[in-house]
Amino acid sequence: MKGSFYGMKVTQVSVVLIGFVCLAVLMLAWTKNSFTSSLTPGIPLSVKEVSGTKDVSRNKNSSKLAEEDIVSLVSSGDLESSSTEPSAKGEHTEYLTTSTVTQDCNFGKGKWVIDDTRPLYSGLGCKQWLSSMWACRMTQRTDFEYEKLRWQPRDCDMEEFTGPKFLRRMVNKTLAFVGDSLGRQQFQSIICMITGGDERPDVLDVGKEYGLVKARGAKRPDGWVYWFPSTNTTILYYWSASLCDLEPLNVSNPETDIAMHLDQPPAFLQRFLHKFDVLVLNTGHHWNSEKLKANRWIMYVGGVPNTNRKIAEIAGAKNFTLYNIVDWVNSQLPKYPGLKAFYRSISPRHFFNGDWNTGGTCDNTSPSSAGKEVIEDESTDTVAAGAVKGTGVKLLDITALSQLRDESHISRYSIKATPGVQDCLHWCLPGVPDTWNEILFAQI
C-alpha cells in the first residue's frame, strides 16, 4: 500500500526510528561512563589529609610530596603491602592516616601476651641500622623467648604497626628523638621496624643537614638522621643525655669544664624544633655524680653557677631540668600547632645484688617472672607525670610495663663484655623498645 510499511504509516515509522536512535545513544553513553569509572576509582579523602603537611625540602630536586605523587605511590603499592578489605559501606579504609584508637586509652595499663608473629624484624638482618652491641642475636645468647611478647593494653586495642602504614602517616614529616642512649635505642628500633630489618639503599643519611657529622677524634657523631625519599619522611636522633644546654667555658681548651644550663633547652632543639612534627624527649640515667664528674659538667642556672642547695642535689637538678624542658616545649606549641610532643618516662634498670660497677647482675631469662600485668592507672614515673600535667606535652608512659621485663636486657652477653660487669640498663633489640614505638605510633 502506498505510504505504508507493513501496515504502518510513514509518520509512525519515523517516530519508531527516532526512538531507536535515542535509545542507542543513551546505552552507548551509559556503557562508556561505566567503563571509565572502573578504570579511575575515586581518590580517598585521606589522601588530601596526607598531603596537607609542611614542606621538608631536601635539595633542589626534592620538595614536599604533592597529592598526585602520593596517589602514584598508593597506586604502585609502595605505601601499603597489607590486604585491602572493603568496609561495610563498600569503601576501602587502607589509606586512612589517623589512628582508630581512642585518644583517652591508657596504653601503660595492660599485660604482656605471647605472640608467635613477633618479632617485627630480625636482629640478625637489621645490620644497616642496629648497633651490634644491642643485637643480642649476634652474641652468645641462645634464648630468645623475650622476642615473642607483645604488649596488650587493658581497655583498648593498639593499631598494628607496619612500616608502610607508619610511612603513610608520616608523609612529609619528621620524627625526632632527643635524649640519652635509651633514646638512641628507641630510634634504632623504629628504623628497624619501618624497614623490617631489610637493607634499604634508597634511605639516605642526611645528618649533615643538621650538623650531625663525626668530628675529628670523636667516636661517633652527636646523632643520626635518615630520610625516606618515597614519602619524604625523616627520622632523627640527637644525643642530649641531660636535656639541657651544654656550653664549654673555654672553647680553646679541650679539657675545659662544661656549663650545664639547667634552665635552657639544648641549642640543637632551639635551632631545629621548627622542622619537627613529632618530638620524643627522654633523660634520666646520666643524672649521677659519677657522670657529671666524668663529663666535667658544672650546674648553671640563670647564666651563672648554681647556688641553690635544693637544685645542687642530683635528684633536684634532674627534676628542675625536666620541668624546665617540658615547660619550654609547651611554650613553643602555639608557634607550631602541628607539632606533637612527648616526654618518654624513665626506662627501668634491673641490677640485682649490686650496681653496674659492683657486680650487679640480671641473669634471668624467663619472661614474666616478675609478673606480666600492670593494673595501676597512674604512671610509676611520678616526676615525669607531674612535669607534663597541664601542658600540651604528652607522657609516653613505658616505665611500669618495662619494669616487668628484666629478662630482656643485654646482661652478660655484650659483645665487648667486661668480666664481672653486666648491662642491665640497655635492652636487647628486637625487644622492649619496639613496644615503646608501638605505643608512640598509636598516638600519632
Protein backbone atom coordinates (compact mmCIF):
# COMPACT_ATOMS: atom_id res chain seq x y z
CA MET A 1 0.00 0.00 0.00
CA LYS A 2 1.38 3.41 -0.89
CA GLY A 3 2.69 5.44 2.08
CA SER A 4 2.79 2.45 4.46
CA PHE A 5 5.23 -0.13 5.81
CA TYR A 6 3.63 -3.40 6.83
CA GLY A 7 0.50 -1.52 7.59
CA MET A 8 2.22 1.42 9.31
CA LYS A 9 2.10 4.97 8.08
CA VAL A 10 5.32 6.86 7.23
CA THR A 11 4.97 9.15 10.25
CA GLN A 12 4.64 6.19 12.56
CA VAL A 13 7.77 4.59 11.13
CA SER A 14 9.70 7.82 11.62
CA VAL A 15 8.76 8.03 15.28
CA VAL A 16 9.86 4.43 15.87
CA LEU A 17 13.20 5.01 14.17
CA ILE A 18 13.87 8.18 16.19
CA GLY A 19 13.11 6.24 19.40
CA PHE A 20 15.61 3.51 18.48
CA VAL A 21 18.31 6.10 17.78
CA CYS A 22 17.79 7.84 21.14
CA LEU A 23 17.86 4.53 22.99
CA ALA A 24 21.12 3.55 21.25
CA VAL A 25 22.74 6.88 22.19
CA LEU A 26 21.74 6.50 25.85
CA MET A 27 23.06 2.93 26.05
CA LEU A 28 26.37 3.97 24.46
CA ALA A 29 26.81 6.84 26.96
CA TRP A 30 25.99 4.61 29.93
CA THR A 31 28.45 1.91 28.78
CA LYS A 32 31.26 4.44 28.28
CA ASN A 33 30.72 6.01 31.70
CA SER A 34 30.76 2.63 33.49
CA PHE A 35 33.95 1.56 31.73
CA THR A 36 35.72 4.81 32.56
CA SER A 37 34.65 4.66 36.19
CA SER A 38 36.04 1.16 36.53
CA LEU A 39 39.44 2.39 35.36
CA THR A 40 39.63 5.50 37.57
CA PRO A 41 38.40 4.87 41.10
CA GLY A 42 37.81 7.87 43.33
CA ILE A 43 40.74 9.24 45.33
CA PRO A 44 40.28 8.57 49.06
CA LEU A 45 39.63 11.64 51.16
CA SER A 46 42.57 10.80 53.36
CA VAL A 47 45.00 11.46 50.52
CA LYS A 48 44.26 15.15 50.86
CA GLU A 49 44.85 14.87 54.57
CA VAL A 50 48.20 13.17 53.99
CA SER A 51 49.43 15.82 51.58
CA GLY A 52 48.40 18.71 53.78
CA THR A 53 51.66 18.83 55.73
CA LYS A 54 54.61 21.14 55.90
CA ASP A 55 57.49 21.08 53.42
CA VAL A 56 60.72 19.40 54.37
CA SER A 57 62.91 20.27 51.42
CA ARG A 58 65.92 18.02 50.84
CA ASN A 59 67.64 19.54 47.83
CA LYS A 60 66.91 21.49 44.66
CA ASN A 61 65.23 18.49 43.09
CA SER A 62 63.33 17.42 46.19
CA SER A 63 60.26 19.05 47.65
CA LYS A 64 57.11 18.28 49.52
CA LEU A 65 55.23 15.35 48.03
CA ALA A 66 52.25 16.63 46.10
CA GLU A 67 48.87 14.91 46.15
CA GLU A 68 49.44 13.34 42.74
CA ASP A 69 52.75 11.91 43.98
CA ILE A 70 51.03 10.24 46.92
CA VAL A 71 48.29 8.85 44.68
CA SER A 72 51.03 7.42 42.47
CA LEU A 73 52.74 5.81 45.47
CA VAL A 74 49.47 4.33 46.69
CA SER A 75 48.67 3.01 43.22
CA SER A 76 52.08 1.38 42.85
CA GLY A 77 51.81 -0.27 46.26
CA ASP A 78 54.90 1.42 47.72
CA LEU A 79 52.98 2.55 50.78
CA GLU A 80 50.90 -0.49 51.54
CA SER A 81 51.51 -4.20 51.38
CA SER A 82 48.65 -5.41 53.56
CA SER A 83 45.22 -6.56 52.43
CA THR A 84 42.57 -4.02 51.50
CA GLU A 85 39.25 -5.44 52.56
CA PRO A 86 36.31 -3.10 51.93
CA SER A 87 34.35 -1.75 54.85
CA ALA A 88 30.68 -2.40 55.46
CA LYS A 89 29.79 0.57 53.26
CA GLY A 90 31.92 -0.74 50.41
CA GLU A 91 34.65 1.84 50.99
CA HIS A 92 38.33 0.97 51.23
CA THR A 93 39.91 2.03 54.51
CA GLU A 94 43.53 1.12 53.82
CA TYR A 95 44.55 4.75 53.15
CA LEU A 96 43.32 6.20 56.44
CA THR A 97 46.01 8.34 58.05
CA THR A 98 44.70 8.72 61.58
CA SER A 99 44.73 6.17 64.36
CA THR A 100 41.49 4.37 65.08
CA VAL A 101 42.44 4.04 68.74
CA THR A 102 40.64 6.29 71.17
CA GLN A 103 42.84 9.10 72.38
CA ASP A 104 41.97 8.51 76.05
CA CYS A 105 43.33 4.96 76.10
CA ASN A 106 45.73 4.22 78.96
CA PHE A 107 48.41 2.41 76.97
CA GLY A 108 50.57 1.85 80.06
CA LYS A 109 47.94 -0.35 81.69
CA GLY A 110 47.72 -3.90 80.37
CA LYS A 111 49.66 -7.14 80.09
CA TRP A 112 52.32 -8.97 78.12
CA VAL A 113 50.97 -11.75 75.89
CA ILE A 114 52.73 -14.35 73.75
CA ASP A 115 52.55 -13.59 70.04
CA ASP A 116 54.20 -16.02 67.60
CA THR A 117 54.18 -13.38 64.85
CA ARG A 118 56.86 -11.46 66.73
CA PRO A 119 59.48 -10.05 66.44
CA LEU A 120 58.72 -7.31 63.91
CA TYR A 121 62.21 -7.58 62.40
CA SER A 122 65.31 -9.75 62.57
CA GLY A 123 68.10 -8.94 64.99
CA LEU A 124 70.47 -10.61 62.56
CA GLY A 125 69.11 -8.87 59.48
CA CYS A 126 68.89 -5.29 60.68
CA LYS A 127 72.63 -4.69 60.42
CA GLN A 128 72.29 -1.46 58.43
CA TRP A 129 70.57 0.30 61.34
CA LEU A 130 71.15 -1.67 64.53
CA SER A 131 74.29 -1.35 66.66
CA SER A 132 75.89 -4.76 67.09
CA MET A 133 76.27 -4.18 70.83
CA TRP A 134 72.44 -4.24 71.13
CA ALA A 135 71.73 -7.04 68.66
CA CYS A 136 71.60 -9.99 71.07
CA ARG A 137 71.21 -12.40 68.14
CA MET A 138 74.84 -11.60 67.34
CA THR A 139 76.05 -12.50 70.83
CA GLN A 140 76.42 -15.76 72.74
CA ARG A 141 72.83 -15.58 73.95
CA THR A 142 70.78 -18.64 72.95
CA ASP A 143 67.33 -17.94 74.47
CA PHE A 144 65.04 -15.62 72.53
CA GLU A 145 61.62 -16.16 74.08
CA TYR A 146 61.65 -12.50 75.09
CA GLU A 147 61.21 -11.57 71.41
CA LYS A 148 57.78 -13.25 71.32
CA LEU A 149 55.99 -10.99 73.78
CA ARG A 150 53.55 -8.28 72.72
CA TRP A 151 52.04 -5.57 74.93
CA GLN A 152 48.24 -5.61 75.10
CA PRO A 153 46.58 -2.54 76.71
CA ARG A 154 43.77 -3.49 79.06
CA ASP A 155 40.93 -1.30 77.80
CA CYS A 156 41.72 -0.86 74.12
CA ASP A 157 43.48 -2.41 71.16
CA MET A 158 46.62 -0.87 69.73
CA GLU A 159 46.73 -0.44 66.00
CA GLU A 160 49.04 -2.96 64.36
CA PHE A 161 52.37 -1.42 63.36
CA THR A 162 53.62 -1.88 59.81
CA GLY A 163 56.37 0.02 58.07
CA PRO A 164 54.21 1.15 55.12
CA LYS A 165 51.46 2.27 57.48
CA PHE A 166 53.92 4.32 59.55
CA LEU A 167 55.42 5.99 56.47
CA ARG A 168 51.97 6.78 55.12
CA ARG A 169 51.13 8.52 58.40
CA MET A 170 54.43 10.41 58.30
CA VAL A 171 54.36 11.70 54.72
CA ASN A 172 56.28 15.00 54.55
CA LYS A 173 57.01 14.77 58.28
CA THR A 174 59.96 14.48 60.67
CA LEU A 175 60.14 12.37 63.83
CA ALA A 176 62.88 13.42 66.26
CA PHE A 177 64.20 11.57 69.31
CA VAL A 178 66.24 13.75 71.67
CA GLY A 179 67.73 12.13 74.74
CA ASP A 180 70.23 9.61 76.08
CA SER A 181 71.34 6.17 74.87
CA LEU A 182 67.90 4.72 75.64
CA GLY A 183 66.53 7.29 73.22
CA ARG A 184 69.06 6.06 70.70
CA GLN A 185 67.79 2.51 71.22
CA GLN A 186 64.26 3.67 70.55
CA PHE A 187 65.49 5.43 67.40
CA GLN A 188 67.27 2.34 66.06
CA SER A 189 64.28 0.22 66.98
CA ILE A 190 61.84 2.25 64.90
CA ILE A 191 64.15 2.31 61.87
CA CYS A 192 64.34 -1.50 62.04
CA MET A 193 60.56 -1.67 62.47
CA ILE A 194 59.92 0.56 59.46
CA THR A 195 62.28 -1.34 57.17
CA GLY A 196 61.54 -4.78 58.60
CA GLY A 197 65.28 -5.05 59.13
CA ASP A 198 65.92 -5.15 55.39
CA GLU A 199 68.72 -3.33 53.59
CA ARG A 200 67.42 -0.09 52.10
CA PRO A 201 69.92 1.66 49.81
CA ASP A 202 67.22 4.21 48.93
CA VAL A 203 67.16 5.51 52.53
CA LEU A 204 69.72 8.29 52.83
CA ASP A 205 71.87 9.54 55.69
CA VAL A 206 71.23 13.31 55.79
CA GLY A 207 72.86 14.08 59.14
CA LYS A 208 74.98 16.78 57.53
CA GLU A 209 71.90 18.95 57.12
CA TYR A 210 71.62 19.05 60.91
CA GLY A 211 75.33 19.34 61.60
CA LEU A 212 75.41 15.73 62.80
CA VAL A 213 78.72 14.57 61.38
CA LYS A 214 81.54 12.79 63.14
CA ALA A 215 84.05 15.32 64.45
CA ARG A 216 87.76 14.70 64.20
CA GLY A 217 88.83 12.41 67.04
CA ALA A 218 85.26 11.61 68.05
CA LYS A 219 83.97 8.04 68.38
CA ARG A 220 80.64 8.90 66.77
CA PRO A 221 78.55 11.90 65.71
CA ASP A 222 76.12 13.53 68.14
CA GLY A 223 73.24 11.97 66.27
CA TRP A 224 71.91 10.41 63.09
CA VAL A 225 69.28 11.42 60.54
CA TYR A 226 67.74 9.13 57.91
CA TRP A 227 65.49 10.23 55.08
CA PHE A 228 62.93 8.02 53.29
CA PRO A 229 62.54 9.69 49.87
CA SER A 230 59.44 7.70 48.85
CA THR A 231 57.35 9.58 51.43
CA ASN A 232 59.67 12.47 52.33
CA THR A 233 59.86 11.12 55.89
CA THR A 234 62.79 11.94 58.17
CA ILE A 235 63.73 10.04 61.36
CA LEU A 236 66.27 11.75 63.63
CA TYR A 237 68.13 11.09 66.85
CA TYR A 238 70.16 13.68 68.76
CA TRP A 239 72.22 12.79 71.81
CA SER A 240 71.34 15.00 74.77
CA ALA A 241 71.66 12.91 77.91
CA SER A 242 70.69 15.78 80.23
CA LEU A 243 68.17 17.64 78.03
CA CYS A 244 69.80 20.94 78.93
CA ASP A 245 72.14 23.24 77.04
CA LEU A 246 75.85 22.42 77.36
CA GLU A 247 78.39 25.21 76.81
CA PRO A 248 82.20 24.89 77.04
CA LEU A 249 83.56 27.50 79.43
CA ASN A 250 86.80 27.76 77.45
CA VAL A 251 86.41 26.75 73.80
CA SER A 252 90.16 26.82 73.23
CA ASN A 253 90.79 24.21 75.93
CA PRO A 254 89.66 20.64 75.09
CA GLU A 255 89.76 19.76 78.80
CA THR A 256 87.57 22.69 79.84
CA ASP A 257 84.63 22.39 82.20
CA ILE A 258 81.16 22.47 80.62
CA ALA A 259 78.42 24.81 81.78
CA MET A 260 75.31 22.71 82.22
CA HIS A 261 72.46 25.23 81.85
CA LEU A 262 69.66 23.52 83.74
CA ASP A 263 67.09 26.15 82.73
CA GLN A 264 67.87 26.17 79.00
CA PRO A 265 66.95 23.58 76.36
CA PRO A 266 69.69 22.12 74.16
CA ALA A 267 70.85 24.53 71.47
CA PHE A 268 70.13 21.86 68.86
CA LEU A 269 66.50 21.72 69.93
CA GLN A 270 66.17 25.50 69.87
CA ARG A 271 67.62 25.62 66.37
CA PHE A 272 65.70 22.79 64.71
CA LEU A 273 62.39 22.48 66.58
CA HIS A 274 60.56 24.15 63.70
CA LYS A 275 61.48 21.21 61.46
CA PHE A 276 59.91 18.57 63.70
CA ASP A 277 56.38 17.17 63.53
CA VAL A 278 56.76 14.56 66.28
CA LEU A 279 59.22 15.01 69.14
CA VAL A 280 60.13 12.40 71.78
CA LEU A 281 62.27 13.53 74.74
CA ASN A 282 63.88 11.50 77.50
CA THR A 283 66.53 11.78 80.19
CA GLY A 284 67.38 10.12 83.48
CA HIS A 285 70.30 7.73 83.76
CA HIS A 286 73.10 10.28 83.35
CA TRP A 287 71.94 12.15 86.44
CA ASN A 288 74.51 10.85 88.92
CA SER A 289 77.63 12.35 90.43
CA GLU A 290 79.97 9.98 88.55
CA LYS A 291 78.60 11.01 85.15
CA LEU A 292 78.64 14.72 85.97
CA LYS A 293 82.23 14.50 87.17
CA ALA A 294 83.40 12.43 84.21
CA ASN A 295 81.77 14.84 81.74
CA ARG A 296 83.06 17.91 83.67
CA TRP A 297 79.51 19.29 83.82
CA ILE A 298 79.03 22.30 86.13
CA MET A 299 75.45 23.24 87.01
CA TYR A 300 74.38 26.71 85.88
CA VAL A 301 71.07 28.49 86.44
CA GLY A 302 70.28 31.93 85.07
CA GLY A 303 73.60 32.02 83.25
CA VAL A 304 75.69 31.72 86.43
CA PRO A 305 76.88 28.79 88.60
CA ASN A 306 74.03 27.38 90.66
CA THR A 307 73.87 28.38 94.32
CA ASN A 308 70.51 26.81 95.17
CA ARG A 309 71.17 23.91 97.54
CA LYS A 310 68.00 22.06 96.57
CA ILE A 311 68.97 22.13 92.92
CA ALA A 312 72.57 21.24 93.75
CA GLU A 313 71.41 17.77 94.74
CA ILE A 314 71.35 15.45 91.72
CA ALA A 315 67.69 14.49 92.04
CA GLY A 316 66.67 18.12 92.50
CA ALA A 317 68.71 19.21 89.47
CA LYS A 318 67.19 16.50 87.29
CA ASN A 319 63.63 17.33 88.31
CA PHE A 320 64.30 21.06 87.84
CA THR A 321 65.62 20.41 84.32
CA LEU A 322 62.79 18.06 83.39
CA TYR A 323 60.13 20.59 84.36
CA ASN A 324 62.00 23.35 82.51
CA ILE A 325 62.37 21.43 79.25
CA VAL A 326 58.70 20.41 79.27
CA ASP A 327 57.62 23.99 80.02
CA TRP A 328 59.80 25.31 77.21
CA VAL A 329 58.44 22.85 74.64
CA ASN A 330 54.91 23.61 75.82
CA SER A 331 55.56 27.34 75.28
CA GLN A 332 56.59 26.61 71.68
CA LEU A 333 53.49 24.61 70.75
CA PRO A 334 51.38 27.68 69.80
CA LYS A 335 54.07 28.58 67.24
CA TYR A 336 53.98 25.07 65.76
CA PRO A 337 50.38 23.83 66.11
CA GLY A 338 51.13 20.69 64.09
CA LEU A 339 53.85 19.54 66.47
CA LYS A 340 53.11 16.52 68.68
CA ALA A 341 55.49 16.42 71.64
CA PHE A 342 56.06 13.51 74.01
CA TYR A 343 58.16 13.01 77.11
CA ARG A 344 59.07 9.34 77.50
CA SER A 345 59.05 8.15 81.10
CA ILE A 346 62.13 6.53 82.64
CA SER A 347 63.33 3.18 81.34
CA PRO A 348 63.93 0.94 84.39
CA ARG A 349 67.24 -0.69 85.34
CA HIS A 350 67.35 -4.26 86.63
CA PHE A 351 70.61 -4.67 88.54
CA PHE A 352 70.33 -7.31 91.26
CA ASN A 353 72.84 -7.86 94.07
CA GLY A 354 74.81 -4.74 93.21
CA ASP A 355 75.09 -1.96 90.64
CA TRP A 356 76.74 -1.85 87.23
CA ASN A 357 80.22 -1.42 88.75
CA THR A 358 79.77 -3.52 91.88
CA GLY A 359 78.82 -6.90 90.45
CA GLY A 360 75.12 -6.25 89.78
CA THR A 361 73.50 -8.88 87.55
CA CYS A 362 70.36 -9.54 85.51
CA ASP A 363 70.74 -13.22 84.63
CA ASN A 364 67.06 -14.09 84.46
CA THR A 365 65.96 -15.41 81.06
CA SER A 366 62.36 -16.36 81.88
CA PRO A 367 59.73 -13.93 80.53
CA SER A 368 57.09 -12.76 83.00
CA SER A 369 58.99 -14.00 86.05
CA ALA A 370 58.41 -10.53 87.54
CA GLY A 371 54.73 -10.62 86.54
CA LYS A 372 53.06 -9.82 83.25
CA GLU A 373 50.39 -7.24 84.07
CA VAL A 374 50.19 -3.56 85.02
CA ILE A 375 46.96 -2.68 86.84
CA GLU A 376 47.82 0.82 88.07
CA ASP A 377 46.07 3.75 86.40
CA GLU A 378 48.80 6.27 87.17
CA SER A 379 52.38 6.27 85.91
CA THR A 380 55.03 4.96 88.27
CA ASP A 381 57.32 7.76 86.99
CA THR A 382 55.66 10.42 89.10
CA VAL A 383 58.19 13.13 88.24
CA ALA A 384 57.59 12.80 84.51
CA ALA A 385 53.84 12.61 85.01
CA GLY A 386 53.94 15.75 87.15
CA ALA A 387 56.06 17.63 84.62
CA VAL A 388 53.65 17.11 81.70
CA LYS A 389 50.48 17.60 83.72
CA GLY A 390 48.53 20.58 82.45
CA THR A 391 50.72 21.01 79.37
CA GLY A 392 50.38 20.10 75.71
CA VAL A 393 53.27 17.65 76.05
CA LYS A 394 52.06 14.05 76.31
CA LEU A 395 53.54 11.37 78.54
CA LEU A 396 54.81 8.29 76.71
CA ASP A 397 54.45 6.05 79.74
CA ILE A 398 56.62 2.94 79.41
CA THR A 399 58.07 2.54 82.91
CA ALA A 400 55.77 0.01 84.59
CA LEU A 401 55.37 -2.23 81.55
CA SER A 402 59.16 -2.26 81.04
CA GLN A 403 59.72 -2.99 84.73
CA LEU A 404 58.22 -6.45 84.14
CA ARG A 405 60.84 -7.35 81.51
CA ASP A 406 64.09 -7.91 83.43
CA GLU A 407 64.92 -10.89 81.15
CA SER A 408 65.28 -8.63 78.10
CA HIS A 409 68.47 -6.70 78.91
CA ILE A 410 71.87 -7.15 77.27
CA SER A 411 73.02 -8.77 80.53
CA ARG A 412 76.34 -10.60 80.29
CA TYR A 413 76.00 -11.22 76.55
CA SER A 414 77.52 -7.94 75.41
CA ILE A 415 79.98 -8.35 72.51
CA LYS A 416 82.54 -6.27 74.38
CA ALA A 417 81.63 -7.54 77.81
CA THR A 418 83.92 -6.80 80.73
CA PRO A 419 84.29 -9.71 83.17
CA GLY A 420 82.07 -9.12 86.19
CA VAL A 421 80.15 -6.26 84.51
CA GLN A 422 76.66 -6.73 83.08
CA ASP A 423 74.49 -4.33 81.12
CA CYS A 424 71.16 -4.34 82.92
CA LEU A 425 70.20 -0.91 81.59
CA HIS A 426 70.08 -1.27 77.80
CA TRP A 427 67.73 -3.67 76.05
CA CYS A 428 68.22 -6.44 73.52
CA LEU A 429 66.84 -5.49 70.11
CA PRO A 430 64.39 -6.66 68.90
CA GLY A 431 62.84 -6.18 72.31
CA VAL A 432 61.10 -3.88 74.73
CA PRO A 433 61.83 -0.55 72.92
CA ASP A 434 59.78 -1.88 69.99
CA THR A 435 56.76 -1.71 72.27
CA TRP A 436 57.58 1.90 73.14
CA ASN A 437 57.37 2.70 69.45
CA GLU A 438 54.10 0.81 69.00
CA ILE A 439 52.59 2.96 71.75
CA LEU A 440 54.05 6.07 70.12
CA PHE A 441 52.63 5.06 66.75
CA ALA A 442 49.18 4.59 68.29
CA GLN A 443 49.23 8.23 69.42
CA ILE A 444 50.43 9.96 66.25
